[in-house]
């Protein structure tokens, strides 16, 4: 039995939940992908082979994976939750293309070393930590057309907001009717 199957089995037993073939099928599909999957994307993959599995089953199962440590939820700033494998992953961050949505992972070893050094200086004993570095911009091969909204607080988001405001365009919006 795969290590991940054993983790899921133990978690389901501990929580008194059923060990269904659907949950293990969804797990295998999830583990087979190296991408950051949304519930919709995973559901599409699952339905190719088993159309009887519904979206809510996939979504609830992803939540179980997150609770038992098989998956980590990541947010790329576009309002969609995505999930990645949590097992055997070192601390890493994500570079997100705001044009095409491409996500590249990068290691954050230098940040880990900095945390250890600061903790040692301050007399802290670190039991664990979680870093979520996220950088957004345009990838090399992406077109200039923006498909994803910029991250909140980013320069592109502020630029888009100021360009869209009526004060910056010199025109006033007509008053809305109250009828």
N, C-alpha and C. Protein backbone atom coordinates (compact mmCIF):
# COMPACT_ATOMS: atom_id res chain seq x y z
N UNK A 1 0.85 -1.19 0.00
CA UNK A 1 0.00 0.00 0.00
C UNK A 1 0.88 1.24 0.00
N UNK A 2 0.51 2.22 -0.82
CA UNK A 2 1.25 3.47 -0.87
C UNK A 2 1.22 4.17 0.48
N UNK A 3 2.28 4.93 0.74
CA UNK A 3 2.36 5.69 1.99
C UNK A 3 1.16 6.64 2.13
N UNK A 4 0.79 7.30 1.02
CA UNK A 4 -0.33 8.24 1.05
C UNK A 4 -1.65 7.53 1.34
N UNK A 5 -1.81 6.33 0.78
CA UNK A 5 -3.04 5.54 1.06
C UNK A 5 -3.11 5.20 2.54
N UNK A 6 -1.97 4.86 3.12
CA UNK A 6 -1.94 4.51 4.54
C UNK A 6 -2.29 5.71 5.41
N UNK A 7 -1.79 6.86 5.05
CA UNK A 7 -2.09 8.10 5.79
C UNK A 7 -3.59 8.39 5.72
N UNK A 8 -4.17 8.27 4.52
CA UNK A 8 -5.60 8.51 4.36
C UNK A 8 -6.42 7.48 5.14
N UNK A 9 -6.03 6.22 5.05
CA UNK A 9 -6.74 5.15 5.77
C UNK A 9 -6.74 5.43 7.27
N UNK A 10 -5.58 5.75 7.81
CA UNK A 10 -5.48 6.03 9.26
C UNK A 10 -6.32 7.22 9.66
N UNK A 11 -6.31 8.27 8.84
CA UNK A 11 -7.08 9.47 9.15
C UNK A 11 -8.58 9.17 9.12
N UNK A 12 -9.02 8.45 8.09
CA UNK A 12 -10.46 8.14 7.99
C UNK A 12 -10.91 7.28 9.17
N UNK A 13 -10.09 6.31 9.57
CA UNK A 13 -10.42 5.48 10.74
C UNK A 13 -10.52 6.34 11.99
N UNK A 14 -9.52 7.20 12.19
CA UNK A 14 -9.46 8.06 13.37
C UNK A 14 -10.69 8.96 13.47
N UNK A 15 -11.15 9.46 12.34
CA UNK A 15 -12.30 10.38 12.31
C UNK A 15 -13.64 9.66 12.17
N UNK A 16 -13.61 8.33 12.03
CA UNK A 16 -14.85 7.57 11.88
C UNK A 16 -15.52 7.77 10.54
N UNK A 17 -14.72 8.06 9.50
CA UNK A 17 -15.25 8.28 8.16
C UNK A 17 -15.09 7.02 7.32
N UNK A 18 -15.92 6.88 6.30
CA UNK A 18 -15.88 5.70 5.44
C UNK A 18 -14.65 5.71 4.54
N UNK A 19 -14.11 4.53 4.31
CA UNK A 19 -13.00 4.36 3.37
C UNK A 19 -13.61 3.92 2.04
N UNK A 20 -13.96 4.90 1.22
CA UNK A 20 -14.62 4.58 -0.04
C UNK A 20 -13.61 4.49 -1.18
N UNK A 21 -13.98 3.71 -2.17
CA UNK A 21 -13.11 3.58 -3.35
C UNK A 21 -13.00 4.93 -4.07
N UNK A 22 -14.07 5.75 -3.99
CA UNK A 22 -14.04 7.06 -4.63
C UNK A 22 -12.95 7.95 -4.03
N UNK A 23 -12.81 7.94 -2.71
CA UNK A 23 -11.79 8.77 -2.06
C UNK A 23 -10.39 8.36 -2.48
N UNK A 24 -10.16 7.06 -2.59
CA UNK A 24 -8.83 6.59 -2.98
C UNK A 24 -8.58 6.82 -4.47
N UNK A 25 -9.63 6.76 -5.28
CA UNK A 25 -9.50 7.07 -6.70
C UNK A 25 -9.13 8.55 -6.88
N UNK A 26 -9.81 9.42 -6.13
CA UNK A 26 -9.53 10.85 -6.18
C UNK A 26 -8.10 11.11 -5.70
N UNK A 27 -7.66 10.42 -4.67
CA UNK A 27 -6.29 10.56 -4.17
C UNK A 27 -5.28 10.19 -5.25
N UNK A 28 -5.52 9.08 -5.93
CA UNK A 28 -4.59 8.65 -6.98
C UNK A 28 -4.52 9.67 -8.12
N UNK A 29 -5.67 10.23 -8.50
CA UNK A 29 -5.68 11.26 -9.55
C UNK A 29 -4.94 12.51 -9.08
N UNK A 30 -5.17 12.89 -7.85
CA UNK A 30 -4.50 14.06 -7.28
C UNK A 30 -2.99 13.86 -7.26
N UNK A 31 -2.55 12.69 -6.81
CA UNK A 31 -1.12 12.41 -6.71
C UNK A 31 -0.45 12.27 -8.08
N UNK A 32 -1.24 11.92 -9.10
CA UNK A 32 -0.67 11.73 -10.43
C UNK A 32 -0.32 13.06 -11.11
N UNK A 33 -0.85 14.15 -10.59
CA UNK A 33 -0.61 15.46 -11.19
C UNK A 33 0.49 16.19 -10.43
N UNK A 34 1.33 16.86 -11.15
CA UNK A 34 2.39 17.67 -10.54
C UNK A 34 2.00 19.15 -10.51
N UNK A 35 0.78 19.45 -10.97
CA UNK A 35 0.32 20.84 -11.04
C UNK A 35 -0.38 21.25 -9.75
N UNK A 36 -0.67 22.53 -9.64
CA UNK A 36 -1.48 23.07 -8.55
C UNK A 36 -2.92 23.03 -9.03
N UNK A 37 -3.69 22.10 -8.52
CA UNK A 37 -5.04 21.85 -9.04
C UNK A 37 -6.12 22.56 -8.24
N UNK A 38 -7.08 23.11 -8.95
CA UNK A 38 -8.30 23.59 -8.29
C UNK A 38 -9.24 22.39 -8.17
N UNK A 39 -10.28 22.54 -7.37
CA UNK A 39 -11.27 21.46 -7.24
C UNK A 39 -11.91 21.18 -8.60
N UNK A 40 -12.16 22.22 -9.39
CA UNK A 40 -12.74 22.05 -10.74
C UNK A 40 -11.83 21.21 -11.63
N UNK A 41 -10.54 21.53 -11.62
CA UNK A 41 -9.59 20.81 -12.47
C UNK A 41 -9.49 19.34 -12.06
N UNK A 42 -9.42 19.09 -10.75
CA UNK A 42 -9.35 17.71 -10.29
C UNK A 42 -10.65 16.97 -10.62
N UNK A 43 -11.77 17.65 -10.48
CA UNK A 43 -13.05 17.03 -10.81
C UNK A 43 -13.09 16.62 -12.28
N UNK A 44 -12.59 17.49 -13.16
CA UNK A 44 -12.54 17.15 -14.60
C UNK A 44 -11.68 15.93 -14.85
N UNK A 45 -10.54 15.84 -14.18
CA UNK A 45 -9.66 14.68 -14.33
C UNK A 45 -10.36 13.40 -13.86
N UNK A 46 -11.05 13.50 -12.73
CA UNK A 46 -11.73 12.34 -12.14
C UNK A 46 -12.87 11.88 -13.04
N UNK A 47 -13.65 12.83 -13.57
CA UNK A 47 -14.82 12.50 -14.39
C UNK A 47 -14.46 11.82 -15.70
N UNK A 48 -13.23 12.01 -16.18
CA UNK A 48 -12.82 11.34 -17.41
C UNK A 48 -12.94 9.82 -17.28
N UNK A 49 -12.64 9.31 -16.10
CA UNK A 49 -12.69 7.86 -15.89
C UNK A 49 -13.88 7.42 -15.05
N UNK A 50 -14.40 8.33 -14.23
CA UNK A 50 -15.52 7.97 -13.37
C UNK A 50 -16.52 9.12 -13.33
N UNK A 51 -17.44 9.19 -14.31
CA UNK A 51 -18.37 10.31 -14.39
C UNK A 51 -19.39 10.36 -13.25
N UNK A 52 -19.48 9.32 -12.45
CA UNK A 52 -20.46 9.31 -11.36
C UNK A 52 -19.98 10.10 -10.13
N UNK A 53 -18.70 10.43 -10.08
CA UNK A 53 -18.17 11.18 -8.94
C UNK A 53 -18.48 12.66 -9.15
N UNK A 54 -19.21 13.25 -8.20
CA UNK A 54 -19.64 14.64 -8.31
C UNK A 54 -18.61 15.63 -7.79
N UNK A 55 -18.85 16.89 -8.12
CA UNK A 55 -17.94 17.95 -7.70
C UNK A 55 -17.84 18.04 -6.18
N UNK A 56 -18.99 17.95 -5.48
CA UNK A 56 -18.93 18.08 -4.02
C UNK A 56 -18.13 16.97 -3.37
N UNK A 57 -18.16 15.78 -3.95
CA UNK A 57 -17.35 14.68 -3.42
C UNK A 57 -15.87 15.01 -3.57
N UNK A 58 -15.49 15.54 -4.73
CA UNK A 58 -14.09 15.91 -4.96
C UNK A 58 -13.69 17.02 -4.00
N UNK A 59 -14.54 18.03 -3.85
CA UNK A 59 -14.22 19.16 -2.98
C UNK A 59 -14.06 18.72 -1.53
N UNK A 60 -15.01 17.95 -1.03
CA UNK A 60 -14.93 17.46 0.36
C UNK A 60 -13.71 16.58 0.56
N UNK A 61 -13.39 15.77 -0.45
CA UNK A 61 -12.23 14.88 -0.35
C UNK A 61 -10.93 15.69 -0.32
N UNK A 62 -10.86 16.77 -1.09
CA UNK A 62 -9.69 17.65 -1.03
C UNK A 62 -9.53 18.24 0.36
N UNK A 63 -10.63 18.59 0.99
CA UNK A 63 -10.58 19.11 2.36
C UNK A 63 -10.02 18.04 3.32
N UNK A 64 -10.43 16.81 3.11
CA UNK A 64 -9.90 15.71 3.94
C UNK A 64 -8.40 15.57 3.71
N UNK A 65 -7.96 15.64 2.45
CA UNK A 65 -6.53 15.55 2.15
C UNK A 65 -5.76 16.66 2.86
N UNK A 66 -6.33 17.85 2.90
CA UNK A 66 -5.68 18.97 3.56
C UNK A 66 -5.60 18.73 5.07
N UNK A 67 -6.69 18.24 5.65
CA UNK A 67 -6.73 17.99 7.09
C UNK A 67 -5.74 16.92 7.53
N UNK A 68 -5.54 15.91 6.68
CA UNK A 68 -4.66 14.81 7.09
C UNK A 68 -3.22 15.01 6.61
N UNK A 69 -2.93 16.13 5.96
CA UNK A 69 -1.55 16.44 5.60
C UNK A 69 -1.10 15.93 4.24
N UNK A 70 -2.02 15.46 3.41
CA UNK A 70 -1.65 14.99 2.08
C UNK A 70 -1.63 16.13 1.05
N UNK A 71 -2.36 17.19 1.34
CA UNK A 71 -2.44 18.33 0.41
C UNK A 71 -2.30 19.63 1.18
N UNK A 72 -1.87 20.63 0.47
CA UNK A 72 -1.79 21.98 1.02
C UNK A 72 -2.58 22.89 0.10
N UNK A 73 -3.40 23.74 0.69
CA UNK A 73 -4.15 24.71 -0.11
C UNK A 73 -3.25 25.91 -0.36
N UNK A 74 -3.19 26.35 -1.61
CA UNK A 74 -2.41 27.53 -1.96
C UNK A 74 -3.30 28.55 -2.64
N UNK A 75 -3.01 29.81 -2.41
CA UNK A 75 -3.80 30.89 -2.97
C UNK A 75 -2.87 31.74 -3.81
N UNK A 76 -3.15 31.86 -5.08
CA UNK A 76 -2.32 32.64 -5.98
C UNK A 76 -2.86 34.05 -6.19
N UNK A 77 -3.82 34.46 -5.37
CA UNK A 77 -4.31 35.82 -5.43
C UNK A 77 -5.39 36.06 -6.48
N UNK A 78 -5.88 35.00 -7.11
CA UNK A 78 -6.91 35.18 -8.14
C UNK A 78 -8.28 34.73 -7.67
N UNK A 79 -8.42 34.44 -6.38
CA UNK A 79 -9.70 34.05 -5.83
C UNK A 79 -10.03 32.57 -5.95
N UNK A 80 -9.15 31.77 -6.53
CA UNK A 80 -9.38 30.32 -6.68
C UNK A 80 -8.44 29.57 -5.76
N UNK A 81 -9.00 28.68 -4.96
CA UNK A 81 -8.16 27.82 -4.12
C UNK A 81 -7.57 26.73 -5.00
N UNK A 82 -6.30 26.49 -4.81
CA UNK A 82 -5.62 25.40 -5.51
C UNK A 82 -4.97 24.52 -4.46
N UNK A 83 -4.69 23.30 -4.86
CA UNK A 83 -4.12 22.34 -3.93
C UNK A 83 -2.88 21.72 -4.55
N UNK A 84 -1.88 21.48 -3.70
CA UNK A 84 -0.67 20.81 -4.15
C UNK A 84 -0.33 19.70 -3.18
N UNK A 85 0.48 18.78 -3.65
CA UNK A 85 0.93 17.67 -2.80
C UNK A 85 1.72 18.23 -1.64
N UNK A 86 1.48 17.70 -0.45
CA UNK A 86 2.19 18.19 0.73
C UNK A 86 3.33 17.25 1.13
N UNK A 87 3.23 16.00 0.74
CA UNK A 87 4.24 15.02 1.14
C UNK A 87 5.56 15.29 0.42
N UNK A 88 6.64 15.13 1.13
CA UNK A 88 8.00 15.23 0.56
C UNK A 88 8.25 16.57 -0.12
N UNK A 89 7.63 17.63 0.34
CA UNK A 89 7.85 18.96 -0.24
C UNK A 89 8.68 19.78 0.74
N UNK A 90 9.75 20.37 0.25
CA UNK A 90 10.50 21.30 1.07
C UNK A 90 9.82 22.66 1.01
N UNK A 91 10.24 23.57 1.87
CA UNK A 91 9.68 24.91 1.84
C UNK A 91 9.93 25.51 0.46
N UNK A 92 8.91 26.08 -0.11
CA UNK A 92 9.05 26.67 -1.44
C UNK A 92 8.05 27.80 -1.61
N UNK A 93 8.30 28.60 -2.62
CA UNK A 93 7.40 29.69 -2.96
C UNK A 93 6.90 29.50 -4.38
N UNK A 94 6.12 30.44 -4.85
CA UNK A 94 5.54 30.34 -6.18
C UNK A 94 5.74 31.65 -6.95
N UNK A 95 6.12 31.53 -8.20
CA UNK A 95 6.12 32.64 -9.14
C UNK A 95 4.89 32.45 -10.01
N UNK A 96 4.02 33.42 -10.05
CA UNK A 96 2.76 33.31 -10.78
C UNK A 96 2.73 34.32 -11.92
N UNK A 97 2.45 33.83 -13.12
CA UNK A 97 2.30 34.73 -14.27
C UNK A 97 0.87 35.28 -14.25
N UNK A 98 0.76 36.60 -14.21
CA UNK A 98 -0.56 37.23 -14.17
C UNK A 98 -1.21 37.27 -15.55
N UNK A 99 -0.50 36.85 -16.58
CA UNK A 99 -1.08 36.80 -17.93
C UNK A 99 -1.65 35.43 -18.25
N UNK A 100 -0.86 34.38 -18.05
CA UNK A 100 -1.31 33.05 -18.46
C UNK A 100 -1.62 32.12 -17.30
N UNK A 101 -1.28 32.50 -16.07
CA UNK A 101 -1.58 31.68 -14.90
C UNK A 101 -0.53 30.63 -14.59
N UNK A 102 0.55 30.58 -15.37
CA UNK A 102 1.61 29.61 -15.14
C UNK A 102 2.18 29.80 -13.73
N UNK A 103 2.44 28.69 -13.05
CA UNK A 103 3.01 28.73 -11.71
C UNK A 103 4.33 27.96 -11.69
N UNK A 104 5.37 28.60 -11.22
CA UNK A 104 6.67 27.96 -11.06
C UNK A 104 7.02 27.96 -9.58
N UNK A 105 7.54 26.85 -9.12
CA UNK A 105 7.96 26.76 -7.72
C UNK A 105 9.44 27.12 -7.61
N UNK A 106 9.81 27.68 -6.45
CA UNK A 106 11.22 27.93 -6.16
C UNK A 106 11.47 27.61 -4.70
N UNK A 107 12.68 27.17 -4.40
CA UNK A 107 13.04 26.82 -3.03
C UNK A 107 13.36 28.08 -2.24
N UNK A 108 13.10 28.01 -0.95
CA UNK A 108 13.36 29.16 -0.08
C UNK A 108 14.35 28.78 1.02
N UNK A 109 15.39 28.05 0.65
CA UNK A 109 16.39 27.62 1.62
C UNK A 109 17.02 28.79 2.36
N UNK A 110 17.28 29.88 1.67
CA UNK A 110 17.92 31.02 2.32
C UNK A 110 17.01 31.60 3.40
N UNK A 111 15.71 31.59 3.18
CA UNK A 111 14.78 32.09 4.20
C UNK A 111 14.80 31.18 5.41
N UNK A 112 14.84 29.86 5.18
CA UNK A 112 14.88 28.92 6.30
C UNK A 112 16.13 29.15 7.14
N UNK A 113 17.27 29.33 6.47
CA UNK A 113 18.52 29.57 7.20
C UNK A 113 18.45 30.87 7.97
N UNK A 114 17.82 31.89 7.39
CA UNK A 114 17.67 33.17 8.09
C UNK A 114 16.80 33.01 9.33
N UNK A 115 15.73 32.27 9.22
CA UNK A 115 14.85 32.04 10.37
C UNK A 115 15.61 31.32 11.47
N UNK A 116 16.38 30.30 11.10
CA UNK A 116 17.17 29.55 12.09
C UNK A 116 18.18 30.47 12.78
N UNK A 117 18.85 31.32 12.00
CA UNK A 117 19.86 32.23 12.54
C UNK A 117 19.20 33.25 13.49
N UNK A 118 18.08 33.82 13.08
CA UNK A 118 17.38 34.80 13.92
C UNK A 118 16.87 34.14 15.20
N UNK A 119 16.34 32.93 15.07
CA UNK A 119 15.83 32.22 16.24
C UNK A 119 16.96 31.93 17.22
N UNK A 120 18.11 31.51 16.71
CA UNK A 120 19.25 31.22 17.58
C UNK A 120 19.70 32.48 18.32
N UNK A 121 19.77 33.61 17.61
CA UNK A 121 20.17 34.87 18.23
C UNK A 121 19.18 35.29 19.31
N UNK A 122 17.90 35.05 19.07
CA UNK A 122 16.84 35.49 19.99
C UNK A 122 16.54 34.49 21.08
N UNK A 123 17.17 33.32 21.02
CA UNK A 123 16.93 32.30 22.03
C UNK A 123 15.65 31.51 21.83
N UNK A 124 15.13 31.48 20.62
CA UNK A 124 13.92 30.72 20.31
C UNK A 124 14.29 29.31 19.88
N UNK A 125 13.45 28.36 20.25
CA UNK A 125 13.57 27.00 19.73
C UNK A 125 12.40 26.83 18.75
N UNK A 126 12.70 26.71 17.47
CA UNK A 126 11.66 26.62 16.44
C UNK A 126 11.16 25.18 16.36
N UNK A 127 9.86 25.00 16.52
CA UNK A 127 9.23 23.68 16.37
C UNK A 127 8.76 23.47 14.93
N UNK A 128 8.51 24.54 14.22
CA UNK A 128 8.05 24.46 12.85
C UNK A 128 7.70 25.85 12.36
N UNK A 129 7.61 25.98 11.06
CA UNK A 129 7.22 27.26 10.49
C UNK A 129 6.62 27.01 9.11
N UNK A 130 5.93 28.01 8.63
CA UNK A 130 5.32 27.92 7.29
C UNK A 130 5.55 29.24 6.60
N UNK A 131 6.22 29.18 5.49
CA UNK A 131 6.44 30.36 4.66
C UNK A 131 5.59 30.23 3.41
N UNK A 132 5.02 31.32 2.98
CA UNK A 132 4.21 31.29 1.76
C UNK A 132 4.65 32.42 0.84
N UNK A 133 5.89 32.36 0.35
CA UNK A 133 6.32 33.41 -0.59
C UNK A 133 5.57 33.28 -1.91
N UNK A 134 5.10 34.40 -2.41
CA UNK A 134 4.36 34.43 -3.65
C UNK A 134 4.77 35.69 -4.41
N UNK A 135 5.21 35.51 -5.63
CA UNK A 135 5.58 36.64 -6.47
C UNK A 135 4.77 36.57 -7.75
N UNK A 136 4.27 37.71 -8.20
CA UNK A 136 3.44 37.75 -9.40
C UNK A 136 4.08 38.65 -10.44
N UNK A 137 3.91 38.30 -11.69
CA UNK A 137 4.43 39.08 -12.79
C UNK A 137 4.14 38.36 -14.09
N UNK A 138 4.81 38.73 -15.16
CA UNK A 138 4.59 38.11 -16.46
C UNK A 138 5.73 37.15 -16.77
N UNK A 139 5.39 35.96 -17.25
CA UNK A 139 6.42 34.99 -17.64
C UNK A 139 6.97 35.36 -19.02
N UNK A 140 8.04 34.72 -19.41
CA UNK A 140 8.76 35.05 -20.64
C UNK A 140 7.92 34.81 -21.89
N UNK A 141 7.13 33.74 -21.91
CA UNK A 141 6.41 33.37 -23.13
C UNK A 141 4.97 33.87 -23.17
N UNK A 142 4.54 34.51 -22.12
CA UNK A 142 3.15 34.95 -22.03
C UNK A 142 2.88 36.16 -22.92
N UNK A 143 1.66 36.24 -23.41
CA UNK A 143 1.27 37.41 -24.19
C UNK A 143 1.03 38.58 -23.24
N UNK A 144 0.83 39.76 -23.75
CA UNK A 144 0.62 40.95 -22.93
C UNK A 144 -0.81 41.05 -22.41
N UNK A 145 -1.72 40.27 -22.97
CA UNK A 145 -3.12 40.33 -22.55
C UNK A 145 -3.27 39.71 -21.17
N UNK A 146 -3.85 40.42 -20.22
CA UNK A 146 -4.00 39.93 -18.86
C UNK A 146 -5.25 39.06 -18.78
N UNK A 147 -5.06 37.80 -18.35
CA UNK A 147 -6.18 36.89 -18.17
C UNK A 147 -6.59 36.80 -16.72
N UNK A 148 -5.65 36.94 -15.81
CA UNK A 148 -5.92 36.84 -14.39
C UNK A 148 -5.88 38.22 -13.76
N UNK A 149 -6.72 38.48 -12.77
CA UNK A 149 -6.65 39.78 -12.11
C UNK A 149 -5.34 39.88 -11.33
N UNK A 150 -4.76 41.09 -11.24
CA UNK A 150 -3.52 41.22 -10.48
C UNK A 150 -3.75 40.97 -9.00
N UNK A 151 -2.69 40.59 -8.30
CA UNK A 151 -2.78 40.36 -6.86
C UNK A 151 -3.19 41.65 -6.17
N UNK A 152 -4.05 41.54 -5.17
CA UNK A 152 -4.47 42.72 -4.41
C UNK A 152 -3.24 43.36 -3.79
N UNK A 153 -3.17 44.67 -3.89
CA UNK A 153 -2.05 45.39 -3.31
C UNK A 153 -0.85 45.50 -4.24
N UNK A 154 -0.86 44.78 -5.36
CA UNK A 154 0.28 44.86 -6.28
C UNK A 154 0.21 46.15 -7.08
N UNK A 155 1.33 46.54 -7.67
CA UNK A 155 1.39 47.76 -8.47
C UNK A 155 0.41 47.67 -9.64
N UNK A 156 0.31 46.50 -10.28
CA UNK A 156 -0.62 46.33 -11.42
C UNK A 156 -2.06 46.52 -10.98
N UNK A 157 -2.38 46.07 -9.76
CA UNK A 157 -3.74 46.23 -9.24
C UNK A 157 -4.04 47.70 -9.01
N UNK A 158 -3.09 48.43 -8.40
CA UNK A 158 -3.29 49.86 -8.16
C UNK A 158 -3.39 50.63 -9.47
N UNK A 159 -2.53 50.27 -10.45
CA UNK A 159 -2.56 50.94 -11.75
C UNK A 159 -3.89 50.72 -12.44
N UNK A 160 -4.40 49.48 -12.40
CA UNK A 160 -5.67 49.16 -13.05
C UNK A 160 -6.81 49.92 -12.37
N UNK A 161 -6.79 49.98 -11.01
CA UNK A 161 -7.84 50.68 -10.28
C UNK A 161 -7.84 52.16 -10.61
N UNK A 162 -6.65 52.78 -10.63
CA UNK A 162 -6.60 54.23 -10.90
C UNK A 162 -7.00 54.52 -12.34
N UNK A 163 -6.67 53.65 -13.28
CA UNK A 163 -7.05 53.85 -14.67
C UNK A 163 -8.56 53.71 -14.86
N UNK A 164 -9.19 52.91 -14.01
CA UNK A 164 -10.63 52.67 -14.15
C UNK A 164 -11.47 53.71 -13.42
N UNK A 165 -10.86 54.51 -12.54
CA UNK A 165 -11.66 55.46 -11.78
C UNK A 165 -12.04 56.65 -12.66
N UNK A 166 -13.26 57.19 -12.49
CA UNK A 166 -13.72 58.29 -13.32
C UNK A 166 -12.88 59.55 -13.16
N UNK A 167 -12.30 59.76 -11.99
CA UNK A 167 -11.50 60.96 -11.75
C UNK A 167 -10.27 60.98 -12.65
N UNK A 168 -9.70 59.80 -12.91
CA UNK A 168 -8.48 59.77 -13.71
C UNK A 168 -8.77 59.93 -15.20
N UNK A 169 -9.98 59.60 -15.64
CA UNK A 169 -10.28 59.71 -17.07
C UNK A 169 -10.84 61.08 -17.46
N UNK A 170 -11.18 61.89 -16.46
CA UNK A 170 -11.68 63.22 -16.74
C UNK A 170 -13.17 63.24 -17.06
N UNK A 171 -13.84 62.11 -17.02
CA UNK A 171 -15.28 62.07 -17.27
C UNK A 171 -15.99 61.66 -16.00
N UNK A 172 -17.21 62.14 -15.88
CA UNK A 172 -18.00 61.77 -14.71
C UNK A 172 -19.02 60.74 -15.10
N UNK A 173 -19.27 59.83 -14.18
CA UNK A 173 -20.34 58.86 -14.41
C UNK A 173 -21.68 59.53 -14.17
N UNK A 174 -22.71 59.17 -14.97
CA UNK A 174 -24.04 59.73 -14.70
C UNK A 174 -24.56 59.18 -13.37
N UNK A 175 -25.36 60.00 -12.70
CA UNK A 175 -25.95 59.56 -11.44
C UNK A 175 -26.89 58.40 -11.68
N UNK A 176 -26.91 57.46 -10.74
CA UNK A 176 -27.79 56.30 -10.87
C UNK A 176 -29.21 56.67 -10.48
N UNK A 177 -30.14 56.13 -11.20
CA UNK A 177 -31.54 56.37 -10.92
C UNK A 177 -31.94 55.56 -9.70
N UNK A 178 -32.80 56.11 -8.86
CA UNK A 178 -33.24 55.39 -7.66
C UNK A 178 -34.55 54.67 -7.89
N UNK A 179 -35.08 54.70 -9.08
CA UNK A 179 -36.35 54.01 -9.37
C UNK A 179 -36.22 52.55 -9.32
